[in-house]
Amino acid sequence: MLKRTRLTGGKKRVTFSLAAEEPAGPVSVVGDFNDWEPGRHELKSRRNGTRSVSVILPAGEYRFRYLATGGVWLDDDTADKVDDEGSLLQV
């Protein structure tokens, strides 16, 4: 699930979140905003039963996916668009 919060200077804080138990193990959000680097934006467990991480992004269009343990890739069905290239986010 995605949550966008408007910040000053035309930027937005984007919070990426998944359920705490699915999939099992560490999960990172990777995309063209972080050079698709696993571990750079790892989702952390929250008290509300989710895992999340927030990233501040300038206006633009970004491709991303979630990368779970064992090389499992996941798309976010709350993204602006999901296709063969992954999830698309417009900020």
N, C-alpha and C. Protein backbone atom coordinates (compact mmCIF):
# COMPACT_ATOMS: atom_id res chain seq x y z
N MET A 1 0.84 -1.17 0.00
CA MET A 1 0.00 0.00 0.00
C MET A 1 0.88 1.24 0.00
N LEU A 2 0.46 2.26 -0.70
CA LEU A 2 1.20 3.51 -0.81
C LEU A 2 0.48 4.63 -0.09
N LYS A 3 1.24 5.48 0.56
CA LYS A 3 0.69 6.69 1.15
C LYS A 3 1.60 7.84 0.73
N ARG A 4 1.02 8.92 0.23
CA ARG A 4 1.79 10.08 -0.22
C ARG A 4 1.45 11.28 0.65
N THR A 5 2.49 11.97 1.12
CA THR A 5 2.32 13.16 1.93
C THR A 5 3.07 14.30 1.28
N ARG A 6 2.38 15.40 1.01
CA ARG A 6 2.99 16.55 0.35
C ARG A 6 3.93 17.27 1.33
N LEU A 7 5.12 17.60 0.85
CA LEU A 7 6.11 18.35 1.61
C LEU A 7 6.37 19.67 0.91
N THR A 8 7.14 20.54 1.52
CA THR A 8 7.49 21.80 0.87
C THR A 8 8.49 21.54 -0.26
N GLY A 9 8.59 22.48 -1.18
CA GLY A 9 9.55 22.38 -2.27
C GLY A 9 9.16 21.41 -3.36
N GLY A 10 7.88 21.04 -3.46
CA GLY A 10 7.44 20.16 -4.53
C GLY A 10 7.77 18.70 -4.33
N LYS A 11 8.25 18.33 -3.16
CA LYS A 11 8.59 16.93 -2.88
C LYS A 11 7.43 16.27 -2.14
N LYS A 12 7.46 14.94 -2.15
CA LYS A 12 6.48 14.16 -1.41
C LYS A 12 7.18 13.05 -0.65
N ARG A 13 6.63 12.75 0.53
CA ARG A 13 7.07 11.57 1.27
C ARG A 13 6.15 10.44 0.83
N VAL A 14 6.76 9.38 0.33
CA VAL A 14 5.99 8.22 -0.10
C VAL A 14 6.29 7.09 0.88
N THR A 15 5.24 6.56 1.50
CA THR A 15 5.39 5.45 2.43
C THR A 15 4.91 4.18 1.74
N PHE A 16 5.81 3.22 1.66
CA PHE A 16 5.55 1.92 1.06
C PHE A 16 5.28 0.95 2.21
N SER A 17 4.20 0.19 2.15
CA SER A 17 3.93 -0.73 3.26
C SER A 17 3.30 -2.03 2.76
N LEU A 18 3.57 -3.08 3.53
CA LEU A 18 3.03 -4.42 3.29
C LEU A 18 2.60 -5.00 4.63
N ALA A 19 1.79 -6.05 4.58
CA ALA A 19 1.42 -6.76 5.80
C ALA A 19 2.68 -7.33 6.44
N ALA A 20 2.69 -7.43 7.75
CA ALA A 20 3.89 -7.87 8.48
C ALA A 20 4.29 -9.31 8.18
N GLU A 21 3.32 -10.18 7.90
CA GLU A 21 3.63 -11.60 7.78
C GLU A 21 3.79 -12.10 6.35
N GLU A 22 3.38 -11.36 5.37
CA GLU A 22 3.43 -11.81 3.98
C GLU A 22 4.19 -10.83 3.11
N PRO A 23 5.21 -11.23 2.43
CA PRO A 23 5.89 -12.51 2.52
C PRO A 23 6.82 -12.54 3.73
N ALA A 24 7.21 -13.72 4.13
CA ALA A 24 8.09 -13.89 5.29
C ALA A 24 9.49 -13.37 4.97
N GLY A 25 10.19 -12.93 5.99
CA GLY A 25 11.57 -12.47 5.85
C GLY A 25 11.68 -11.02 5.43
N PRO A 26 12.91 -10.54 5.31
CA PRO A 26 13.15 -9.14 4.93
C PRO A 26 12.61 -8.81 3.54
N VAL A 27 12.10 -7.58 3.41
CA VAL A 27 11.60 -7.08 2.13
C VAL A 27 12.12 -5.67 1.94
N SER A 28 12.59 -5.37 0.74
CA SER A 28 13.05 -4.02 0.38
C SER A 28 12.19 -3.48 -0.74
N VAL A 29 12.02 -2.16 -0.76
CA VAL A 29 11.43 -1.53 -1.93
C VAL A 29 12.61 -1.06 -2.78
N VAL A 30 12.60 -1.47 -4.04
CA VAL A 30 13.67 -1.11 -4.96
C VAL A 30 13.05 -0.47 -6.19
N GLY A 31 13.74 0.50 -6.75
CA GLY A 31 13.21 1.16 -7.92
C GLY A 31 14.23 2.08 -8.55
N ASP A 32 13.78 2.82 -9.55
CA ASP A 32 14.73 3.71 -10.22
C ASP A 32 15.12 4.90 -9.34
N PHE A 33 14.41 5.13 -8.23
CA PHE A 33 14.78 6.20 -7.30
C PHE A 33 15.94 5.80 -6.39
N ASN A 34 16.27 4.50 -6.30
CA ASN A 34 17.40 4.06 -5.49
C ASN A 34 18.31 3.09 -6.25
N ASP A 35 18.32 3.24 -7.57
CA ASP A 35 19.16 2.41 -8.46
C ASP A 35 18.90 0.91 -8.30
N TRP A 36 17.68 0.55 -7.92
CA TRP A 36 17.27 -0.86 -7.78
C TRP A 36 18.18 -1.60 -6.80
N GLU A 37 18.63 -0.92 -5.77
CA GLU A 37 19.59 -1.49 -4.81
C GLU A 37 18.86 -2.15 -3.64
N PRO A 38 18.90 -3.48 -3.55
CA PRO A 38 18.26 -4.18 -2.43
C PRO A 38 18.87 -3.77 -1.09
N GLY A 39 18.04 -3.70 -0.06
CA GLY A 39 18.50 -3.38 1.29
C GLY A 39 18.59 -1.90 1.59
N ARG A 40 18.61 -1.07 0.58
CA ARG A 40 18.74 0.37 0.81
C ARG A 40 17.50 0.96 1.47
N HIS A 41 16.33 0.46 1.11
CA HIS A 41 15.08 0.89 1.71
C HIS A 41 14.30 -0.35 2.17
N GLU A 42 14.78 -0.95 3.25
CA GLU A 42 14.16 -2.15 3.80
C GLU A 42 12.95 -1.78 4.66
N LEU A 43 11.86 -2.51 4.48
CA LEU A 43 10.65 -2.26 5.26
C LEU A 43 10.87 -2.73 6.69
N LYS A 44 10.45 -1.92 7.66
CA LYS A 44 10.61 -2.20 9.09
C LYS A 44 9.24 -2.51 9.69
N SER A 45 9.21 -3.41 10.66
CA SER A 45 7.97 -3.79 11.34
C SER A 45 7.41 -2.63 12.15
N ARG A 46 6.09 -2.48 12.10
CA ARG A 46 5.38 -1.44 12.84
C ARG A 46 4.39 -2.10 13.80
N ARG A 47 3.98 -1.37 14.82
CA ARG A 47 3.05 -1.89 15.83
C ARG A 47 1.66 -2.18 15.27
N ASN A 48 1.32 -1.58 14.14
CA ASN A 48 -0.03 -1.77 13.59
C ASN A 48 -0.16 -3.02 12.70
N GLY A 49 0.85 -3.88 12.71
CA GLY A 49 0.78 -5.11 11.93
C GLY A 49 1.25 -5.00 10.51
N THR A 50 1.95 -3.92 10.18
CA THR A 50 2.50 -3.74 8.84
C THR A 50 4.01 -3.60 8.91
N ARG A 51 4.62 -3.59 7.75
CA ARG A 51 6.03 -3.21 7.58
C ARG A 51 6.03 -2.05 6.62
N SER A 52 6.87 -1.05 6.88
CA SER A 52 6.89 0.11 5.98
C SER A 52 8.23 0.79 5.98
N VAL A 53 8.40 1.64 4.96
CA VAL A 53 9.55 2.52 4.84
C VAL A 53 9.08 3.75 4.06
N SER A 54 9.61 4.91 4.44
CA SER A 54 9.26 6.16 3.76
C SER A 54 10.46 6.68 2.98
N VAL A 55 10.18 7.23 1.81
CA VAL A 55 11.21 7.79 0.94
C VAL A 55 10.72 9.16 0.47
N ILE A 56 11.58 10.17 0.52
CA ILE A 56 11.23 11.50 0.03
C ILE A 56 11.66 11.61 -1.42
N LEU A 57 10.71 11.95 -2.29
CA LEU A 57 10.96 11.98 -3.73
C LEU A 57 10.52 13.31 -4.34
N PRO A 58 11.31 13.83 -5.29
CA PRO A 58 10.86 14.99 -6.05
C PRO A 58 9.77 14.57 -7.04
N ALA A 59 9.06 15.55 -7.57
CA ALA A 59 8.01 15.26 -8.54
C ALA A 59 8.59 14.45 -9.70
N GLY A 60 7.81 13.51 -10.16
CA GLY A 60 8.25 12.69 -11.29
C GLY A 60 7.52 11.37 -11.32
N GLU A 61 8.00 10.49 -12.18
CA GLU A 61 7.41 9.18 -12.37
C GLU A 61 8.48 8.15 -12.03
N TYR A 62 8.12 7.15 -11.26
CA TYR A 62 9.09 6.17 -10.77
C TYR A 62 8.56 4.75 -10.93
N ARG A 63 9.45 3.85 -11.32
CA ARG A 63 9.17 2.42 -11.36
C ARG A 63 9.72 1.81 -10.08
N PHE A 64 8.99 0.85 -9.51
CA PHE A 64 9.47 0.18 -8.32
C PHE A 64 8.83 -1.20 -8.20
N ARG A 65 9.42 -2.02 -7.35
CA ARG A 65 8.87 -3.32 -6.96
C ARG A 65 9.37 -3.61 -5.56
N TYR A 66 8.77 -4.60 -4.92
CA TYR A 66 9.25 -5.09 -3.64
C TYR A 66 10.08 -6.34 -3.92
N LEU A 67 11.20 -6.47 -3.21
CA LEU A 67 12.06 -7.64 -3.34
C LEU A 67 12.13 -8.34 -1.99
N ALA A 68 11.64 -9.57 -1.96
CA ALA A 68 11.60 -10.35 -0.72
C ALA A 68 12.71 -11.38 -0.72
N THR A 69 12.88 -12.02 0.42
CA THR A 69 13.86 -13.07 0.60
C THR A 69 13.71 -14.14 -0.48
N GLY A 70 14.82 -14.63 -0.98
CA GLY A 70 14.80 -15.67 -2.00
C GLY A 70 14.57 -15.15 -3.40
N GLY A 71 14.69 -13.83 -3.59
CA GLY A 71 14.54 -13.27 -4.92
C GLY A 71 13.09 -13.18 -5.39
N VAL A 72 12.15 -13.14 -4.46
CA VAL A 72 10.73 -13.04 -4.80
C VAL A 72 10.38 -11.58 -5.06
N TRP A 73 9.86 -11.29 -6.25
CA TRP A 73 9.46 -9.93 -6.63
C TRP A 73 7.95 -9.77 -6.47
N LEU A 74 7.55 -8.61 -5.94
CA LEU A 74 6.13 -8.30 -5.75
C LEU A 74 5.82 -6.93 -6.30
N ASP A 75 4.65 -6.78 -6.90
CA ASP A 75 4.18 -5.47 -7.32
C ASP A 75 3.19 -4.94 -6.30
N ASP A 76 2.91 -3.65 -6.37
CA ASP A 76 1.97 -3.00 -5.45
C ASP A 76 0.71 -2.66 -6.22
N ASP A 77 -0.38 -3.38 -5.93
CA ASP A 77 -1.61 -3.14 -6.69
C ASP A 77 -2.29 -1.82 -6.35
N THR A 78 -1.74 -1.05 -5.39
CA THR A 78 -2.26 0.30 -5.12
C THR A 78 -1.46 1.36 -5.88
N ALA A 79 -0.48 0.93 -6.69
CA ALA A 79 0.31 1.87 -7.50
C ALA A 79 -0.59 2.50 -8.57
N ASP A 80 -0.09 3.56 -9.18
CA ASP A 80 -0.86 4.23 -10.23
C ASP A 80 -1.07 3.32 -11.43
N LYS A 81 -0.13 2.41 -11.66
CA LYS A 81 -0.24 1.47 -12.77
C LYS A 81 0.68 0.30 -12.47
N VAL A 82 0.26 -0.89 -12.86
CA VAL A 82 1.09 -2.09 -12.76
C VAL A 82 1.07 -2.77 -14.11
N ASP A 83 2.28 -3.06 -14.64
CA ASP A 83 2.37 -3.75 -15.92
C ASP A 83 3.54 -4.70 -15.88
N ASP A 84 3.99 -5.18 -17.04
CA ASP A 84 5.09 -6.14 -17.10
C ASP A 84 6.40 -5.60 -16.56
N GLU A 85 6.54 -4.29 -16.49
CA GLU A 85 7.77 -3.67 -15.99
C GLU A 85 7.72 -3.38 -14.49
N GLY A 86 6.61 -3.70 -13.83
CA GLY A 86 6.47 -3.47 -12.40
C GLY A 86 5.44 -2.43 -12.09
N SER A 87 5.60 -1.81 -10.92
CA SER A 87 4.65 -0.80 -10.45
C SER A 87 5.12 0.59 -10.85
N LEU A 88 4.17 1.45 -11.18
CA LEU A 88 4.48 2.83 -11.58
C LEU A 88 3.89 3.77 -10.55
N LEU A 89 4.70 4.72 -10.12
CA LEU A 89 4.31 5.71 -9.11
C LEU A 89 4.50 7.08 -9.69
N GLN A 90 3.46 7.92 -9.63
CA GLN A 90 3.57 9.31 -10.07
C GLN A 90 3.52 10.19 -8.84
N VAL A 91 4.56 10.99 -8.67
CA VAL A 91 4.67 11.85 -7.50
C VAL A 91 4.48 13.28 -7.94
